[in-house]
């Protein structure tokens, strides 16, 4: 049985740590997180704040071997959040303001109770402005350049081009999913051949920008002034802009054009799109084997991407 925070656990959290903090009178564990716990704390003065907690009981992901230089596999923790929050703020991107930080927790402003995804479903016309502003924020990120690829908080310099890391990542994922699904086991040689053919079309380039890495409309809150607020930022990475847009195209679908994207390399985009399809089989199948509460949703996501992978060959 997983044990989550209770009101008693957080009642003394703000005492002496945030000068004008009120007493915590309510606690709500928010849904959606798989690596960290997200809690809304209601205060006796009518305000609310949000607590991010990185703890074993909050992480549904089982360990998994991966290629050693994969920056996207285990992007989790308070240190990554703090580093990335400062970097995005410096790039002019709206993210939650940090109120208190500790080794395994960060307390931030309650930046909004509705996601951009929910607003797009409820009132598409009202979503036009935050979509446009999100596009502008992404263009600021995607014109902020770094000298090498990898996590901003990393202490090492990658030894190979990012596209070669992605080949290793996909081959690793294919090996894992072939053990779980006979269709993929049978198709594995053709899937690997397709991967290498896509990689062969990618021309060398060293131009790395800030990418969120997993930016769907569910990872954007609507802030107090109606502005988009980017969340789940631990996976921020210096990488190819096409990696970001392969995911954005998938998640924003028909609204993608409203983001007014920067120019992209079609071959690199197609290569990364296929890599993410395979990742969206391996990840969901892996977490579906745990006690994650929405297991069927993960299985359905994996099945959808199995269909896409097989259609590609």
Protein backbone atom coordinates (compact mmCIF):
# COMPACT_ATOMS: atom_id res chain seq x y z
CA UNK A 1 0.00 0.00 0.00
CA UNK A 2 1.33 3.42 -0.96
CA UNK A 3 1.14 6.00 1.81
CA UNK A 4 0.59 9.59 0.69
CA UNK A 5 0.78 12.83 2.67
CA UNK A 6 -1.94 13.72 5.14
CA UNK A 7 -2.93 17.07 6.59
CA UNK A 8 -0.94 16.25 9.73
CA UNK A 9 2.19 15.71 7.62
CA UNK A 10 2.05 19.18 6.10
CA UNK A 11 0.56 21.18 8.96
CA UNK A 12 3.97 22.35 10.16
CA UNK A 13 5.61 22.54 6.76
CA UNK A 14 5.37 26.30 6.34
CA UNK A 15 6.09 27.28 9.94
CA UNK A 16 9.18 29.47 10.02
CA UNK A 17 9.99 28.76 6.38
CA UNK A 18 7.76 31.25 4.63
CA UNK A 19 7.32 34.53 6.43
CA UNK A 20 3.65 35.26 5.84
CA UNK A 21 2.44 31.68 5.61
CA UNK A 22 -0.96 30.87 7.04
CA UNK A 23 -2.01 27.66 8.72
CA UNK A 24 -2.68 24.72 6.39
CA UNK A 25 -6.37 23.85 6.61
CA UNK A 26 -6.86 21.65 3.55
CA UNK A 27 -4.88 19.16 1.49
CA UNK A 28 -5.69 17.75 -1.95
CA UNK A 29 -3.49 15.31 -3.85
CA UNK A 30 -3.70 16.26 -7.52
CA UNK A 31 -3.83 13.61 -10.23
CA UNK A 32 -1.54 13.21 -13.22
CA UNK A 33 1.92 12.83 -11.67
CA UNK A 34 3.78 9.55 -12.02
CA UNK A 35 7.22 10.45 -10.64
CA UNK A 36 6.34 12.98 -7.94
CA UNK A 37 3.43 13.85 -5.70
CA UNK A 38 1.57 17.09 -6.39
CA UNK A 39 -0.54 18.50 -3.55
CA UNK A 40 -2.65 21.65 -3.23
CA UNK A 41 -2.48 23.16 0.27
CA UNK A 42 -5.34 25.42 1.35
CA UNK A 43 -4.39 28.11 3.89
CA UNK A 44 -6.54 29.69 6.57
CA UNK A 45 -6.20 33.12 4.95
CA UNK A 46 -7.93 31.93 1.78
CA UNK A 47 -4.80 31.43 -0.29
CA UNK A 48 -3.50 28.15 -1.69
CA UNK A 49 -0.06 26.85 -2.66
CA UNK A 50 1.18 23.72 -4.39
CA UNK A 51 3.68 21.22 -3.01
CA UNK A 52 5.87 19.04 -5.23
CA UNK A 53 7.25 16.02 -3.38
CA UNK A 54 9.79 13.56 -4.76
CA UNK A 55 9.55 10.42 -2.63
CA UNK A 56 9.59 6.68 -3.21
CA UNK A 57 5.88 6.34 -2.44
CA UNK A 58 5.05 8.95 -5.11
CA UNK A 59 7.05 7.34 -7.95
CA UNK A 60 5.20 4.67 -9.94
CA UNK A 61 8.05 3.98 -12.37
CA UNK A 62 10.04 0.77 -11.86
CA UNK A 63 13.80 0.85 -12.57
CA UNK A 64 14.77 0.29 -16.18
CA UNK A 65 18.12 -0.07 -17.87
CA UNK A 66 18.76 2.51 -20.56
CA UNK A 67 21.57 3.97 -22.61
CA UNK A 68 23.91 5.85 -20.26
CA UNK A 69 23.63 9.28 -21.93
CA UNK A 70 19.82 9.37 -22.27
CA UNK A 71 18.75 12.69 -20.68
CA UNK A 72 15.03 11.92 -20.84
CA UNK A 73 14.83 8.65 -18.91
CA UNK A 74 15.02 9.69 -15.25
CA UNK A 75 14.34 13.42 -15.27
CA UNK A 76 13.07 13.81 -11.71
CA UNK A 77 13.98 15.58 -8.50
CA UNK A 78 14.03 18.92 -6.72
CA UNK A 79 17.49 19.87 -8.00
CA UNK A 80 16.40 19.50 -11.62
CA UNK A 81 13.24 21.48 -10.93
CA UNK A 82 15.13 24.38 -9.36
CA UNK A 83 17.79 24.51 -12.08
CA UNK A 84 15.21 24.40 -14.84
CA UNK A 85 12.86 26.86 -13.18
CA UNK A 86 15.62 29.46 -13.06
CA UNK A 87 16.69 28.75 -16.65
CA UNK A 88 13.16 29.06 -18.02
CA UNK A 89 12.49 32.23 -16.03
CA UNK A 90 15.67 33.70 -17.50
CA UNK A 91 14.46 32.81 -20.98
CA UNK A 92 11.20 34.69 -20.40
CA UNK A 93 8.98 31.64 -19.91
CA UNK A 94 6.23 31.77 -17.27
CA UNK A 95 6.66 28.97 -14.73
CA UNK A 96 5.42 28.66 -11.12
CA UNK A 97 7.19 30.92 -8.62
CA UNK A 98 9.17 29.04 -5.98
CA UNK A 99 8.27 29.86 -2.37
CA UNK A 100 10.23 27.23 -0.40
CA UNK A 101 12.71 24.60 -1.59
CA UNK A 102 14.25 21.58 0.11
CA UNK A 103 16.19 18.44 -0.86
CA UNK A 104 13.08 16.45 -1.85
CA UNK A 105 10.32 19.07 -2.01
CA UNK A 106 9.50 22.41 -3.57
CA UNK A 107 6.61 24.65 -2.57
CA UNK A 108 5.36 26.89 -5.38
CA UNK A 109 2.58 29.36 -6.05
CA UNK A 110 -0.77 27.91 -7.02
CA UNK A 111 -0.48 29.12 -10.62
CA UNK A 112 -3.88 27.92 -11.82
CA UNK A 113 -6.59 25.31 -11.41
CA UNK A 114 -7.38 24.72 -15.07
CA UNK A 115 -5.06 23.26 -17.69
CA UNK A 116 -4.80 24.52 -21.23
CA UNK A 117 -6.06 21.09 -22.30
CA UNK A 118 -9.25 21.53 -20.26
CA UNK A 119 -9.76 25.07 -21.57
CA UNK A 120 -9.32 23.92 -25.17
CA UNK A 121 -12.06 21.35 -24.63
CA UNK A 122 -14.37 23.71 -22.72
CA UNK A 123 -13.98 26.90 -24.74
CA UNK A 124 -11.75 26.71 -27.86
CA UNK A 125 -12.17 30.42 -28.56
CA UNK A 126 -10.93 31.37 -25.09
CA UNK A 127 -7.92 29.07 -25.58
CA UNK A 128 -6.69 31.03 -28.61
CA UNK A 129 -4.81 33.65 -26.57
CA UNK A 130 -2.93 31.26 -24.23
CA UNK A 131 -2.11 29.05 -27.24
CA UNK A 132 -0.59 32.04 -29.02
CA UNK A 133 1.34 33.09 -25.89
CA UNK A 134 2.56 29.52 -25.41
CA UNK A 135 3.82 29.56 -28.98
CA UNK A 136 5.74 32.77 -28.25
CA UNK A 137 7.25 31.21 -25.11
CA UNK A 138 8.31 28.15 -27.10
CA UNK A 139 9.96 30.35 -29.72
CA UNK A 140 11.94 32.04 -26.95
CA UNK A 141 13.04 28.62 -25.69
CA UNK A 142 13.82 27.43 -29.20
CA UNK A 143 16.02 30.44 -29.93
CA UNK A 144 17.95 30.09 -26.66
CA UNK A 145 21.09 28.17 -27.60
CA UNK A 146 23.45 25.94 -25.66
CA UNK A 147 26.89 24.65 -26.60
CA UNK A 148 26.14 20.96 -25.95
CA UNK A 149 23.13 18.72 -25.56
CA UNK A 150 21.95 17.21 -22.30
CA UNK A 151 20.37 18.19 -19.00
CA UNK A 152 21.24 21.70 -17.82
CA UNK A 153 22.10 20.28 -14.40
CA UNK A 154 24.37 17.57 -15.86
CA UNK A 155 28.05 17.55 -14.94
CA UNK A 156 29.25 15.62 -18.00
CA UNK A 157 29.81 16.37 -21.68
CA UNK A 158 28.11 13.96 -24.12
CA UNK A 159 30.58 12.02 -26.25
CA UNK A 160 28.40 11.45 -29.31
CA UNK A 161 25.77 13.26 -31.38
CA UNK A 162 22.25 13.25 -29.92
CA UNK A 163 20.80 11.35 -32.86
CA UNK A 164 23.17 8.43 -32.14
CA UNK A 165 21.98 8.41 -28.52
CA UNK A 166 18.41 8.25 -29.81
CA UNK A 167 19.26 5.21 -31.98
CA UNK A 168 20.58 3.45 -28.87
CA UNK A 169 17.53 4.52 -26.90
CA UNK A 170 15.10 3.16 -29.50
CA UNK A 171 16.99 -0.14 -29.86
CA UNK A 172 16.87 -0.48 -26.08
CA UNK A 173 13.12 0.18 -26.07
CA UNK A 174 12.51 -2.25 -28.93
CA UNK A 175 14.31 -4.98 -27.04
CA UNK A 176 12.05 -4.46 -24.03
CA UNK A 177 8.73 -4.26 -25.90
CA UNK A 178 9.54 -7.28 -28.09
CA UNK A 179 9.57 -9.34 -24.89
CA UNK A 180 6.05 -8.13 -24.09
CA UNK A 181 4.26 -8.25 -27.45
CA UNK A 182 4.61 -10.96 -30.12
CA UNK A 183 3.64 -8.56 -32.92
CA UNK A 184 6.61 -6.38 -32.07
CA UNK A 185 8.91 -9.36 -31.66
CA UNK A 186 8.01 -10.49 -35.18
CA UNK A 187 8.38 -6.99 -36.62
CA UNK A 188 11.52 -6.08 -34.69
CA UNK A 189 14.02 -6.59 -37.57
CA UNK A 190 11.92 -4.38 -39.89
CA UNK A 191 11.41 -1.76 -37.16
CA UNK A 192 15.16 -1.60 -36.57
CA UNK A 193 15.79 -1.35 -40.32
CA UNK A 194 13.30 1.51 -40.53
CA UNK A 195 15.00 3.26 -37.61
CA UNK A 196 18.42 3.07 -39.28
CA UNK A 197 17.00 4.28 -42.61
CA UNK A 198 15.53 7.35 -40.87
CA UNK A 199 18.82 7.99 -39.08
CA UNK A 200 20.71 7.83 -42.39
CA UNK A 201 18.70 10.77 -43.70
CA UNK A 202 19.65 13.05 -40.78
CA UNK A 203 22.47 15.42 -41.65
CA UNK A 204 25.01 16.50 -38.98
CA UNK A 205 24.07 19.60 -36.99
CA UNK A 206 25.14 21.13 -33.68
CA UNK A 207 22.44 23.62 -32.74
CA UNK A 208 20.88 22.85 -29.36
CA UNK A 209 18.01 24.75 -27.75
CA UNK A 210 15.90 24.44 -24.63
CA UNK A 211 13.19 21.81 -25.01
CA UNK A 212 10.60 20.85 -22.40
CA UNK A 213 10.61 17.28 -23.66
CA UNK A 214 7.05 16.28 -22.79
CA UNK A 215 4.92 19.33 -23.40
CA UNK A 216 1.25 18.56 -23.86
CA UNK A 217 -1.60 20.94 -23.15
CA UNK A 218 -2.03 19.10 -19.83
CA UNK A 219 1.37 20.42 -18.77
CA UNK A 220 0.29 24.03 -19.17
CA UNK A 221 -1.83 25.81 -16.55
CA UNK A 222 -3.96 28.87 -17.17
CA UNK A 223 -2.53 31.50 -14.81
CA UNK A 224 -4.25 34.29 -12.87
CA UNK A 225 -4.13 36.70 -15.83
CA UNK A 226 -5.09 34.04 -18.38
CA UNK A 227 -1.45 33.43 -19.29
CA UNK A 228 0.04 29.96 -19.98
CA UNK A 229 2.18 28.60 -17.13
CA UNK A 230 4.52 25.73 -18.00
CA UNK A 231 4.73 22.89 -15.45
CA UNK A 232 6.42 19.46 -15.15
CA UNK A 233 9.70 21.08 -16.13
CA UNK A 234 12.16 18.56 -14.67
CA UNK A 235 12.83 17.11 -18.13
CA UNK A 236 14.05 20.42 -19.61
CA UNK A 237 17.03 19.61 -21.85
CA UNK A 238 19.40 21.21 -24.32
CA UNK A 239 18.47 19.28 -27.45
CA UNK A 240 17.29 19.42 -31.06
CA UNK A 241 14.18 21.53 -31.53
CA UNK A 242 12.63 18.76 -33.65
CA UNK A 243 12.41 16.50 -30.60
CA UNK A 244 10.07 19.03 -28.99
CA UNK A 245 7.96 19.50 -32.07
CA UNK A 246 7.53 15.79 -32.73
CA UNK A 247 5.82 15.64 -29.33
CA UNK A 248 3.93 18.92 -29.77
CA UNK A 249 2.46 17.72 -33.06
CA UNK A 250 1.30 14.54 -31.38
CA UNK A 251 -0.28 16.24 -28.36
CA UNK A 252 -1.71 19.43 -29.86
CA UNK A 253 -3.00 17.80 -33.04
CA UNK A 254 -5.17 20.30 -34.97
CA UNK A 255 -4.20 23.18 -32.66
CA UNK A 256 -0.48 22.70 -33.36
CA UNK A 257 -0.41 25.35 -36.08
CA UNK A 258 -1.59 27.96 -33.59
CA UNK A 259 1.78 27.64 -31.83
CA UNK A 260 3.46 29.22 -34.92
CA UNK A 261 6.54 26.95 -34.73
CA UNK A 262 10.08 27.79 -35.77
CA UNK A 263 11.56 26.26 -38.94
CA UNK A 264 12.24 22.52 -38.66
CA UNK A 265 14.37 19.92 -40.46
CA UNK A 266 11.87 17.40 -41.94
CA UNK A 267 14.26 14.42 -41.85
CA UNK A 268 15.25 15.01 -38.24
CA UNK A 269 11.60 15.56 -37.30
CA UNK A 270 10.51 12.25 -38.88
CA UNK A 271 13.36 10.39 -37.16
CA UNK A 272 12.41 11.77 -33.76
CA UNK A 273 8.71 11.18 -34.38
CA UNK A 274 9.37 7.45 -34.87
CA UNK A 275 11.61 7.36 -31.79
CA UNK A 276 8.83 8.83 -29.68
CA UNK A 277 6.28 6.34 -31.00
CA UNK A 278 8.51 3.50 -29.74
CA UNK A 279 9.01 5.30 -26.41
CA UNK A 280 5.24 5.62 -26.06
CA UNK A 281 5.00 1.84 -26.29
CA UNK A 282 7.81 0.98 -23.88
CA UNK A 283 6.96 3.51 -21.17
CA UNK A 284 3.23 2.77 -20.91
CA UNK A 285 3.78 -1.02 -20.96
CA UNK A 286 6.37 -0.69 -18.20
CA UNK A 287 4.23 1.44 -15.88
CA UNK A 288 1.15 -0.69 -16.63
CA UNK A 289 2.97 -3.54 -14.90
CA UNK A 290 2.93 -1.63 -11.61
CA UNK A 291 0.14 -0.50 -9.25
CA UNK A 292 -0.41 2.68 -11.29
CA UNK A 293 -4.13 3.46 -10.80
CA UNK A 294 -5.00 4.17 -14.46
CA UNK A 295 -3.43 1.03 -15.90
CA UNK A 296 -5.92 0.61 -18.75
CA UNK A 297 -5.24 4.13 -20.04
CA UNK A 298 -1.54 3.23 -20.31
CA UNK A 299 -2.33 -0.03 -22.10
CA UNK A 300 -4.55 1.82 -24.56
CA UNK A 301 -1.79 4.37 -25.19
CA UNK A 302 0.70 1.59 -25.87
CA UNK A 303 -1.73 -0.17 -28.22
CA UNK A 304 -2.33 3.05 -30.16
CA UNK A 305 1.40 3.49 -30.70
CA UNK A 306 1.94 -0.18 -31.56
CA UNK A 307 -0.46 0.42 -34.42
CA UNK A 308 1.51 3.50 -35.50
CA UNK A 309 4.84 1.65 -35.33
CA UNK A 310 3.59 -1.27 -37.40
CA UNK A 311 1.99 1.09 -39.91
CA UNK A 312 5.38 2.77 -40.43
CA UNK A 313 6.84 -0.46 -41.86
